[in-house]
N, C-alpha and C. Protein backbone atom coordinates (compact mmCIF):
# COMPACT_ATOMS: atom_id res chain seq x y z
N MET A 1 0.82 -1.09 0.01
CA MET A 1 -0.14 -0.18 0.09
C MET A 1 0.87 1.18 -0.05
N ALA A 2 0.42 2.48 -0.63
CA ALA A 2 1.25 3.45 -0.28
C ALA A 2 0.66 3.94 1.05
N SER A 3 1.40 5.22 1.24
CA SER A 3 1.02 5.41 2.71
C SER A 3 0.15 6.36 3.40
N VAL A 4 -0.35 6.62 4.33
CA VAL A 4 -1.27 7.20 4.42
C VAL A 4 -1.29 8.77 4.06
N PHE A 5 -0.01 9.25 3.97
CA PHE A 5 0.27 10.49 3.60
C PHE A 5 0.10 10.56 2.49
N SER A 6 0.24 9.86 1.31
CA SER A 6 0.27 9.84 0.05
C SER A 6 -1.35 9.88 -0.56
N HIS A 7 -1.91 8.85 0.42
CA HIS A 7 -3.40 8.94 -0.29
C HIS A 7 -3.93 9.91 0.09
N ALA A 8 -3.72 10.63 1.43
CA ALA A 8 -4.37 12.03 1.74
C ALA A 8 -3.94 13.28 0.89
N ALA A 9 -2.73 13.27 0.03
CA ALA A 9 -2.19 14.32 -0.56
C ALA A 9 -2.96 13.74 -2.20
N VAL A 10 -3.10 12.83 -2.56
CA VAL A 10 -3.87 12.52 -3.77
C VAL A 10 -5.63 12.86 -3.56
N ALA A 11 -6.03 12.85 -2.39
CA ALA A 11 -7.40 13.22 -2.14
C ALA A 11 -7.23 14.43 -2.31
N LEU A 12 -6.86 15.25 -1.74
CA LEU A 12 -6.46 16.82 -2.00
C LEU A 12 -6.75 17.47 -3.30
N ALA A 13 -5.56 16.62 -3.76
CA ALA A 13 -5.17 17.28 -5.20
C ALA A 13 -6.12 16.85 -5.90
N ILE A 14 -7.10 15.82 -5.82
CA ILE A 14 -8.39 15.75 -6.74
C ILE A 14 -9.34 16.59 -6.54
N GLY A 15 -9.84 16.60 -5.29
CA GLY A 15 -10.42 17.83 -4.71
C GLY A 15 -10.34 18.96 -5.67
N ASN A 16 -9.09 19.48 -5.35
CA ASN A 16 -8.56 20.88 -6.13
C ASN A 16 -8.78 20.81 -7.31
N LEU A 17 -8.54 19.80 -8.05
CA LEU A 17 -8.54 19.72 -9.90
C LEU A 17 -10.19 19.48 -10.33
N SER A 18 -11.00 19.09 -9.47
CA SER A 18 -12.41 18.77 -10.14
C SER A 18 -13.22 19.50 -9.62
N ILE A 19 -12.95 20.29 -8.13
CA ILE A 19 -14.01 20.99 -7.99
C ILE A 19 -13.88 22.88 -8.18
N SER A 20 -14.50 23.20 -9.02
CA SER A 20 -13.97 24.60 -9.41
C SER A 20 -14.59 25.62 -8.06
N ARG A 21 -15.51 25.43 -7.36
CA ARG A 21 -16.05 26.16 -6.55
C ARG A 21 -15.42 26.01 -4.96
N SER A 22 -15.70 26.90 -3.91
CA SER A 22 -15.29 26.64 -2.74
C SER A 22 -16.07 25.88 -1.92
N MET A 23 -15.10 24.88 -1.28
CA MET A 23 -16.40 24.12 -0.67
C MET A 23 -15.81 23.97 0.84
N PRO A 24 -16.88 23.49 1.91
CA PRO A 24 -16.88 23.47 3.43
C PRO A 24 -15.42 22.73 4.11
N PRO A 25 -15.19 22.95 5.20
CA PRO A 25 -13.97 22.02 5.43
C PRO A 25 -14.38 20.65 5.35
N ARG A 26 -15.44 20.43 5.66
CA ARG A 26 -16.07 19.09 6.08
C ARG A 26 -16.07 18.27 4.49
N PHE A 27 -15.69 18.92 3.56
CA PHE A 27 -15.72 18.19 1.99
C PHE A 27 -14.21 17.86 2.00
N TRP A 28 -13.55 18.51 2.82
CA TRP A 28 -11.56 18.60 2.61
C TRP A 28 -11.25 17.09 3.24
N TRP A 29 -11.93 17.40 4.74
CA TRP A 29 -12.07 16.31 5.40
C TRP A 29 -12.29 14.69 5.17
N LEU A 30 -13.51 14.75 4.57
CA LEU A 30 -14.31 13.45 4.13
C LEU A 30 -13.62 13.33 2.78
N SER A 31 -12.88 13.96 2.10
CA SER A 31 -11.85 13.18 1.14
C SER A 31 -10.84 12.85 1.50
N ILE A 32 -9.96 13.17 2.48
CA ILE A 32 -8.97 12.25 3.08
C ILE A 32 -9.67 11.12 3.66
N LEU A 33 -10.77 11.17 4.55
CA LEU A 33 -11.39 10.19 4.99
C LEU A 33 -11.60 9.04 3.88
N CYS A 34 -12.33 9.37 2.82
CA CYS A 34 -12.47 8.37 1.95
C CYS A 34 -11.00 7.77 1.31
N ALA A 35 -10.11 8.43 1.07
CA ALA A 35 -8.84 7.95 0.56
C ALA A 35 -8.20 7.14 1.26
N VAL A 36 -8.16 7.21 2.87
CA VAL A 36 -7.46 6.67 3.56
C VAL A 36 -8.22 5.30 4.02
N LEU A 37 -9.68 5.25 4.22
CA LEU A 37 -10.64 4.44 5.08
C LEU A 37 -10.38 2.97 4.14
N PRO A 38 -9.96 2.76 2.97
CA PRO A 38 -9.82 1.47 2.30
C PRO A 38 -8.87 0.51 3.37
N ASP A 39 -7.99 1.22 3.89
CA ASP A 39 -6.95 0.42 4.86
C ASP A 39 -7.65 -0.01 5.67
N ALA A 40 -8.60 0.28 6.60
CA ALA A 40 -9.37 0.06 7.70
C ALA A 40 -9.33 -1.69 7.70
N ASP A 41 -9.20 -1.94 6.16
CA ASP A 41 -9.09 -3.54 6.69
C ASP A 41 -8.01 -4.25 6.76
N VAL A 42 -7.02 -3.49 7.10
CA VAL A 42 -5.87 -3.94 8.03
C VAL A 42 -6.30 -4.74 9.24
N LEU A 43 -7.29 -4.21 10.05
CA LEU A 43 -7.93 -4.85 11.12
C LEU A 43 -8.24 -6.17 11.08
N SER A 44 -8.49 -6.36 9.77
CA SER A 44 -8.91 -8.06 9.52
C SER A 44 -7.68 -8.98 9.91
N PHE A 45 -6.36 -8.57 10.29
CA PHE A 45 -5.19 -9.45 10.43
C PHE A 45 -5.80 -9.67 11.86
N VAL A 46 -6.27 -8.56 12.75
CA VAL A 46 -6.12 -8.86 14.47
C VAL A 46 -7.27 -9.86 14.62
N PHE A 47 -8.53 -10.33 13.48
CA PHE A 47 -9.40 -11.07 13.58
C PHE A 47 -8.94 -12.57 13.06
N GLY A 48 -7.74 -12.46 12.41
CA GLY A 48 -7.43 -13.77 11.66
C GLY A 48 -7.95 -13.92 10.08
N VAL A 49 -8.28 -12.92 9.68
CA VAL A 49 -8.55 -13.34 8.32
C VAL A 49 -7.70 -13.00 7.44
N ASP A 50 -7.89 -14.14 6.47
CA ASP A 50 -6.75 -14.31 5.64
C ASP A 50 -6.63 -13.09 4.59
N TYR A 51 -5.07 -12.80 4.28
CA TYR A 51 -4.73 -11.67 3.58
C TYR A 51 -5.84 -11.79 2.30
N GLY A 52 -5.90 -12.86 1.63
CA GLY A 52 -6.50 -12.98 0.19
C GLY A 52 -7.80 -13.28 0.15
N SER A 53 -8.68 -13.30 1.15
CA SER A 53 -9.93 -13.38 1.30
C SER A 53 -10.59 -11.98 0.99
N LEU A 54 -12.40 -12.22 0.56
CA LEU A 54 -12.63 -10.85 0.43
C LEU A 54 -12.81 -9.87 1.16
N PHE A 55 -12.39 -10.25 2.79
CA PHE A 55 -12.39 -9.50 3.48
C PHE A 55 -10.93 -9.00 4.05
N GLY A 56 -10.08 -9.48 3.71
CA GLY A 56 -8.66 -9.48 3.63
C GLY A 56 -8.48 -8.17 3.38
N HIS A 57 -7.15 -7.81 3.30
CA HIS A 57 -6.43 -6.52 2.87
C HIS A 57 -6.45 -6.40 1.65
N ARG A 58 -6.71 -5.25 0.98
CA ARG A 58 -6.87 -4.89 -0.51
C ARG A 58 -7.71 -5.87 -1.07
N GLY A 59 -9.00 -6.44 -0.40
CA GLY A 59 -10.15 -6.98 -0.43
C GLY A 59 -11.20 -6.01 -0.87
N PHE A 60 -12.46 -6.34 -0.40
CA PHE A 60 -13.48 -5.97 -0.90
C PHE A 60 -13.53 -4.02 -0.51
N THR A 61 -12.91 -3.35 0.69
CA THR A 61 -12.62 -2.40 0.70
C THR A 61 -11.84 -1.56 -0.38
N HIS A 62 -11.31 -2.34 -1.07
CA HIS A 62 -10.16 -1.47 -2.16
C HIS A 62 -11.24 -1.51 -3.35
N SER A 63 -12.29 -2.14 -3.42
CA SER A 63 -13.06 -2.52 -4.87
C SER A 63 -13.76 -1.18 -5.35
N LEU A 64 -14.37 -1.35 -6.52
CA LEU A 64 -15.09 -0.40 -7.13
C LEU A 64 -16.34 -0.03 -6.49
N ILE A 65 -17.23 -1.34 -5.92
CA ILE A 65 -18.27 -1.42 -5.47
C ILE A 65 -18.26 -0.52 -4.10
N PHE A 66 -17.07 -0.89 -3.21
CA PHE A 66 -17.20 -0.34 -2.00
C PHE A 66 -17.13 1.16 -2.18
N ALA A 67 -15.99 1.78 -3.31
CA ALA A 67 -16.07 3.07 -3.72
C ALA A 67 -17.51 3.98 -3.85
N LEU A 68 -18.13 3.06 -4.44
CA LEU A 68 -19.39 3.71 -5.04
C LEU A 68 -20.29 3.52 -3.71
N ILE A 69 -20.37 2.60 -2.70
CA ILE A 69 -21.34 2.48 -1.66
C ILE A 69 -20.89 3.76 -0.76
N LEU A 70 -19.50 3.86 -0.55
CA LEU A 70 -18.98 4.96 0.11
C LEU A 70 -19.32 6.38 -0.08
N SER A 71 -19.31 6.70 -1.63
CA SER A 71 -19.57 7.89 -1.97
C SER A 71 -21.05 8.22 -1.75
N LEU A 72 -21.89 6.84 -2.23
CA LEU A 72 -23.23 7.44 -1.72
C LEU A 72 -23.71 7.82 -0.48
N VAL A 73 -22.94 6.91 0.61
CA VAL A 73 -23.17 6.97 2.04
C VAL A 73 -22.84 8.64 2.66
N ILE A 74 -21.58 9.13 2.23
CA ILE A 74 -21.13 10.16 2.67
C ILE A 74 -21.82 11.13 1.94
N VAL A 75 -22.20 11.37 0.74
CA VAL A 75 -23.16 12.39 0.13
C VAL A 75 -24.37 12.50 0.56
N GLN A 76 -25.16 11.48 1.14
CA GLN A 76 -26.09 11.37 1.61
C GLN A 76 -26.26 11.70 3.29
N MET A 77 -25.20 11.29 3.97
CA MET A 77 -25.04 11.61 5.32
C MET A 77 -24.55 13.31 5.61
N TRP A 78 -23.57 13.80 4.66
CA TRP A 78 -22.92 15.08 5.04
C TRP A 78 -23.01 16.13 4.26
N PHE A 79 -24.28 15.89 2.91
CA PHE A 79 -24.41 16.96 2.02
C PHE A 79 -25.89 16.50 1.49
N ASN A 80 -26.59 16.27 2.61
CA ASN A 80 -28.23 15.93 2.45
C ASN A 80 -28.88 17.43 1.98
N GLY A 81 -28.39 18.44 1.90
CA GLY A 81 -29.20 19.19 1.52
C GLY A 81 -28.87 19.45 -0.18
N VAL A 82 -28.26 18.58 -0.53
CA VAL A 82 -27.85 18.59 -2.08
C VAL A 82 -28.88 17.68 -2.93
N ARG A 83 -29.71 18.21 -3.95
CA ARG A 83 -30.63 17.73 -4.54
C ARG A 83 -30.56 16.31 -5.05
N VAL A 84 -30.97 15.17 -4.94
CA VAL A 84 -30.38 13.79 -5.71
C VAL A 84 -30.60 14.06 -7.45
N TRP A 85 -29.74 13.42 -7.54
CA TRP A 85 -29.25 13.83 -9.19
C TRP A 85 -28.96 15.39 -9.89
N SER A 86 -28.91 16.14 -8.98
CA SER A 86 -28.86 17.57 -9.28
C SER A 86 -27.21 17.03 -9.97
N ARG A 87 -27.01 18.39 -10.45
CA ARG A 87 -25.46 18.55 -11.22
C ARG A 87 -24.60 18.39 -9.80
N MET A 88 -24.72 19.02 -8.92
CA MET A 88 -23.58 19.14 -7.64
C MET A 88 -23.65 17.30 -6.90
N TRP A 89 -25.07 17.22 -6.77
CA TRP A 89 -24.86 15.80 -6.37
C TRP A 89 -23.90 14.74 -7.18
N CYS A 90 -24.14 15.00 -8.57
CA CYS A 90 -23.18 14.14 -9.44
C CYS A 90 -22.02 13.99 -9.47
N VAL A 91 -21.36 15.46 -9.13
CA VAL A 91 -19.97 15.97 -9.21
C VAL A 91 -19.91 15.33 -7.45
N LEU A 92 -20.26 15.63 -6.20
CA LEU A 92 -19.98 14.90 -5.32
C LEU A 92 -19.88 13.67 -5.38
N ILE A 93 -20.78 12.77 -5.56
CA ILE A 93 -20.63 11.33 -5.43
C ILE A 93 -19.58 11.15 -6.58
N ALA A 94 -19.20 11.57 -7.98
CA ALA A 94 -18.24 11.26 -8.87
C ALA A 94 -16.84 11.48 -7.94
N HIS A 95 -17.13 12.83 -7.06
CA HIS A 95 -15.50 13.19 -6.54
C HIS A 95 -15.05 12.31 -5.46
N PHE A 96 -16.06 12.06 -4.57
CA PHE A 96 -15.78 10.60 -3.57
C PHE A 96 -15.46 9.36 -4.14
N PHE A 97 -16.16 8.91 -5.21
CA PHE A 97 -15.97 7.58 -5.72
C PHE A 97 -14.76 7.74 -6.16
N LEU A 98 -14.25 8.83 -7.01
CA LEU A 98 -12.40 8.97 -7.51
C LEU A 98 -11.57 8.94 -6.34
N VAL A 99 -11.86 9.76 -5.52
CA VAL A 99 -11.05 9.75 -4.22
C VAL A 99 -10.84 8.36 -3.66
N THR A 100 -11.88 7.58 -3.38
CA THR A 100 -12.07 6.46 -2.77
C THR A 100 -11.11 5.53 -3.67
N THR A 101 -11.27 5.05 -4.78
CA THR A 101 -10.66 4.57 -5.85
C THR A 101 -9.22 4.83 -6.20
N SER A 102 -9.19 5.85 -5.86
CA SER A 102 -7.75 6.27 -6.10
C SER A 102 -7.00 5.34 -5.14
N HIS A 103 -7.44 5.29 -3.77
CA HIS A 103 -6.72 4.37 -2.67
C HIS A 103 -6.14 3.33 -3.69
N GLY A 104 -7.21 2.05 -4.26
CA GLY A 104 -6.88 1.26 -4.94
C GLY A 104 -5.82 1.54 -5.98
N MET A 105 -5.95 2.50 -6.65
CA MET A 105 -5.15 2.64 -7.75
C MET A 105 -3.69 3.00 -7.34
N LEU A 106 -3.70 3.74 -6.40
CA LEU A 106 -2.39 4.02 -5.93
C LEU A 106 -1.65 2.43 -5.27
N ASP A 107 -2.36 1.79 -4.55
CA ASP A 107 -1.92 0.13 -4.23
C ASP A 107 -1.43 -0.76 -4.91
N ALA A 108 -2.14 -0.45 -6.42
CA ALA A 108 -1.68 -1.24 -7.80
C ALA A 108 -0.41 -1.02 -8.16
N MET A 109 -0.22 0.42 -7.80
CA MET A 109 1.13 0.51 -8.33
C MET A 109 2.43 0.30 -7.44
N THR A 110 2.16 -0.38 -6.58
CA THR A 110 3.48 -0.91 -5.50
C THR A 110 3.93 -2.11 -5.86
N ASP A 111 5.18 -2.32 -5.00
CA ASP A 111 5.86 -3.57 -5.61
C ASP A 111 5.60 -4.70 -4.65
N GLY A 112 4.45 -4.34 -3.68
CA GLY A 112 4.53 -5.56 -3.08
C GLY A 112 2.99 -5.95 -2.87
N GLY A 113 2.84 -7.19 -1.88
CA GLY A 113 1.13 -7.49 -1.38
C GLY A 113 0.81 -8.45 -2.61
N LEU A 114 -0.51 -8.66 -2.64
CA LEU A 114 -0.99 -9.68 -3.20
C LEU A 114 -1.96 -9.16 -4.49
N GLY A 115 -2.05 -7.86 -4.42
CA GLY A 115 -2.70 -7.15 -5.57
C GLY A 115 -3.78 -6.54 -5.01
N VAL A 116 -5.11 -6.15 -5.70
CA VAL A 116 -5.95 -5.16 -5.52
C VAL A 116 -7.14 -5.65 -5.97
N ALA A 117 -8.33 -5.97 -5.41
CA ALA A 117 -9.58 -6.78 -5.77
C ALA A 117 -10.28 -5.68 -6.15
N PHE A 118 -10.36 -5.20 -7.41
CA PHE A 118 -10.71 -4.01 -8.04
C PHE A 118 -12.23 -4.66 -8.14
N PHE A 119 -12.48 -5.66 -8.12
CA PHE A 119 -14.23 -6.23 -8.88
C PHE A 119 -14.58 -6.94 -8.02
N ALA A 120 -14.14 -7.14 -6.53
CA ALA A 120 -14.60 -7.64 -5.41
C ALA A 120 -16.27 -7.03 -5.36
N PRO A 121 -17.35 -7.68 -5.08
CA PRO A 121 -17.34 -9.05 -4.46
C PRO A 121 -17.43 -10.08 -5.95
N PHE A 122 -17.96 -9.69 -6.68
CA PHE A 122 -18.39 -10.74 -7.96
C PHE A 122 -16.95 -11.39 -8.55
N ASP A 123 -15.89 -10.44 -8.08
CA ASP A 123 -14.52 -11.29 -8.91
C ASP A 123 -13.37 -10.98 -7.91
N GLN A 124 -13.07 -11.87 -7.18
CA GLN A 124 -12.00 -12.00 -6.01
C GLN A 124 -10.57 -11.70 -6.34
N SER A 125 -10.77 -11.79 -7.77
CA SER A 125 -8.89 -11.73 -8.26
C SER A 125 -8.42 -10.28 -7.76
N ARG A 126 -7.08 -10.51 -7.66
CA ARG A 126 -6.33 -9.48 -7.35
C ARG A 126 -5.47 -8.89 -8.46
N TYR A 127 -5.45 -7.62 -8.44
CA TYR A 127 -4.73 -7.08 -9.86
C TYR A 127 -3.35 -6.05 -9.22
N PHE A 128 -2.39 -5.72 -9.87
CA PHE A 128 -1.55 -4.78 -10.18
C PHE A 128 -1.34 -4.17 -11.19
N PHE A 129 -0.96 -2.85 -11.73
CA PHE A 129 -1.20 -2.28 -12.89
C PHE A 129 0.43 -2.74 -13.30
N PRO A 130 0.72 -2.89 -14.58
CA PRO A 130 2.19 -3.26 -15.15
C PRO A 130 3.36 -2.59 -14.61
N TRP A 131 3.17 -1.47 -14.32
CA TRP A 131 4.02 -0.43 -13.95
C TRP A 131 3.78 -0.44 -12.56
N ARG A 132 4.62 -0.44 -11.43
CA ARG A 132 4.63 -0.57 -10.30
C ARG A 132 6.24 0.01 -9.72
N PRO A 133 6.08 1.10 -9.67
CA PRO A 133 7.36 2.03 -9.28
C PRO A 133 7.40 1.93 -7.96
N VAL A 134 6.63 2.01 -7.35
CA VAL A 134 6.13 2.85 -5.73
C VAL A 134 6.48 1.64 -4.61
N ARG A 135 7.52 1.81 -3.63
CA ARG A 135 7.55 0.77 -2.78
C ARG A 135 6.61 0.44 -2.02
N VAL A 136 6.25 -0.51 -1.63
CA VAL A 136 5.18 -0.89 -0.96
C VAL A 136 5.50 -0.36 0.74
N SER A 137 4.53 0.65 1.48
CA SER A 137 4.63 0.61 2.56
C SER A 137 4.41 -0.33 3.73
N PRO A 138 5.28 -0.18 4.71
CA PRO A 138 5.07 -1.10 5.78
C PRO A 138 3.93 -0.73 6.85
N ILE A 139 3.11 -1.92 7.13
CA ILE A 139 2.02 -2.03 7.84
C ILE A 139 2.24 -1.51 9.10
N GLY A 140 2.09 -0.67 9.68
CA GLY A 140 2.48 -0.09 11.34
C GLY A 140 3.08 1.14 11.19
N ILE A 141 3.18 2.12 12.32
CA ILE A 141 4.08 2.97 12.16
C ILE A 141 5.25 2.97 12.95
N ALA A 142 5.59 2.21 13.35
CA ALA A 142 7.32 1.92 13.86
C ALA A 142 8.11 1.63 12.68
N PRO A 143 7.69 0.69 11.78
CA PRO A 143 8.24 0.57 10.52
C PRO A 143 8.92 1.67 9.38
N PHE A 144 8.10 2.83 9.97
CA PHE A 144 8.35 3.99 8.66
C PHE A 144 9.71 4.81 9.50
N PHE A 145 10.23 4.46 10.87
CA PHE A 145 11.44 5.09 11.34
C PHE A 145 12.64 4.16 11.08
N SER A 146 12.70 3.64 9.89
CA SER A 146 13.49 2.95 9.42
C SER A 146 14.06 3.19 8.23
N GLY A 147 15.39 2.62 7.60
CA GLY A 147 15.88 2.68 6.39
C GLY A 147 14.71 2.52 5.13
N TYR A 148 13.89 1.62 5.51
CA TYR A 148 13.01 0.99 4.78
C TYR A 148 11.80 2.21 4.78
N GLY A 149 11.36 2.34 5.91
CA GLY A 149 10.41 3.73 5.68
C GLY A 149 10.71 4.55 5.11
N LEU A 150 12.14 4.98 4.99
CA LEU A 150 12.63 6.07 4.31
C LEU A 150 12.78 5.78 2.77
N ASP A 151 13.42 4.80 2.41
CA ASP A 151 13.12 4.49 1.05
C ASP A 151 11.61 4.28 0.44
N VAL A 152 10.44 3.91 1.14
CA VAL A 152 8.85 4.30 0.95
C VAL A 152 9.18 5.60 0.54
N LEU A 153 9.28 6.53 1.41
CA LEU A 153 8.67 7.84 1.54
C LEU A 153 9.43 8.67 0.23
N ILE A 154 10.81 8.43 0.23
CA ILE A 154 11.33 8.71 -0.83
C ILE A 154 10.66 8.15 -2.52
N SER A 155 10.34 7.02 -2.55
CA SER A 155 9.66 6.45 -3.64
C SER A 155 8.23 7.18 -3.60
N GLU A 156 7.39 7.52 -2.94
CA GLU A 156 6.28 8.21 -2.95
C GLU A 156 6.54 9.42 -3.45
N VAL A 157 7.36 10.39 -2.80
CA VAL A 157 7.91 11.90 -3.39
C VAL A 157 8.29 11.67 -4.58
N VAL A 158 8.73 10.82 -5.25
CA VAL A 158 9.29 10.88 -6.89
C VAL A 158 7.85 10.39 -7.68
N TRP A 159 6.93 9.24 -7.11
CA TRP A 159 6.21 8.84 -7.92
C TRP A 159 4.71 9.30 -7.96
N ILE A 160 4.40 10.12 -6.58
CA ILE A 160 3.26 10.40 -6.46
C ILE A 160 3.33 11.90 -6.02
N TRP A 161 4.04 12.61 -5.12
CA TRP A 161 3.98 13.65 -4.59
C TRP A 161 4.28 14.52 -5.67
N VAL A 162 5.55 14.49 -6.69
CA VAL A 162 5.95 14.98 -7.37
C VAL A 162 5.01 15.22 -8.79
N PRO A 163 4.65 14.01 -9.35
CA PRO A 163 3.60 14.26 -10.21
C PRO A 163 2.16 15.04 -9.85
N VAL A 164 1.64 14.86 -8.42
CA VAL A 164 0.70 15.43 -7.90
C VAL A 164 0.96 17.08 -7.87
N GLY A 165 2.16 17.20 -7.43
CA GLY A 165 2.34 18.88 -7.33
C GLY A 165 2.29 19.50 -8.85
N LEU A 166 3.02 18.70 -9.71
CA LEU A 166 2.83 19.39 -11.23
C LEU A 166 1.52 19.75 -11.63
N SER A 167 0.65 18.51 -11.53
CA SER A 167 -0.85 18.70 -11.68
C SER A 167 -1.48 19.65 -11.16
N LEU A 168 -1.20 20.43 -9.70
CA LEU A 168 -1.78 20.99 -9.17
C LEU A 168 -1.40 22.34 -10.00
N LEU A 169 0.06 22.53 -10.22
CA LEU A 169 0.72 23.51 -10.62
C LEU A 169 0.52 23.86 -12.17
N THR A 170 0.22 23.12 -12.93
CA THR A 170 -0.11 22.97 -14.23
C THR A 170 -1.94 23.73 -14.17
N ALA A 171 -2.77 23.04 -13.37
CA ALA A 171 -3.91 23.51 -12.96
C ALA A 171 -4.17 25.10 -12.82
N GLN A 172 -3.16 25.48 -11.99
CA GLN A 172 -3.10 26.94 -11.34
C GLN A 172 -2.85 27.79 -12.41
N ILE A 173 -1.98 27.13 -13.17
CA ILE A 173 -1.50 28.37 -14.34
C ILE A 173 -2.24 28.51 -15.32
N LEU A 174 -3.05 27.39 -15.60
CA LEU A 174 -4.04 27.28 -16.51
C LEU A 174 -5.32 28.10 -16.22
N ARG A 175 -5.46 27.71 -15.13
CA ARG A 175 -6.72 28.68 -14.19
C ARG A 175 -6.50 30.26 -14.56
N ARG A 176 -5.37 30.31 -14.20
CA ARG A 176 -5.08 32.02 -14.24
C ARG A 176 -5.16 32.49 -15.58
N LYS A 177 -4.58 31.77 -16.94
CA LYS A 177 -4.71 32.04 -17.81
C LYS A 177 -5.86 32.15 -18.65
N VAL A 178 -6.75 31.57 -18.17
CA VAL A 178 -8.35 31.58 -18.57
C VAL A 178 -8.82 32.64 -18.02
N LEU A 179 -8.90 33.03 -16.70
CA LEU A 179 -9.77 33.69 -15.83
C LEU A 179 -9.00 34.99 -16.37
């Protein structure tokens, strides 16, 4: 998996790139939550759930169906004043779906684990992208304070943070030229 820091950074970038108007703080906090929530499945290890099972790490909570369900729940609970099927409702659903899906996408770019069950529960096959430049993040806090943790962070800076930063910079420049 990519680190929680990179998942959060990508969520904030997606929001910045996709939403053209000012959004309340809850929008940004919920974006981060949706981007990191799929990794709540690491709790399955505590309960003895097999890594490769439907509810194991990178299983159902990393799927497209989970992302859709979560986006619907988030918008219903936190943006219930937005009329269903309105343009803003569709934008919010799409945003939270994309932010949640970004988690699995980043994980599919890592060099470790069993892959991501994008199509669970219908298909429990695990997938990686053909190009996997991101070092897999250690599970837990302590391993970050090691040489390997530093390697992971450097890998994420190069392959996630720099492209995200360049995307934001490009968007900012284009917005200024349009306005």
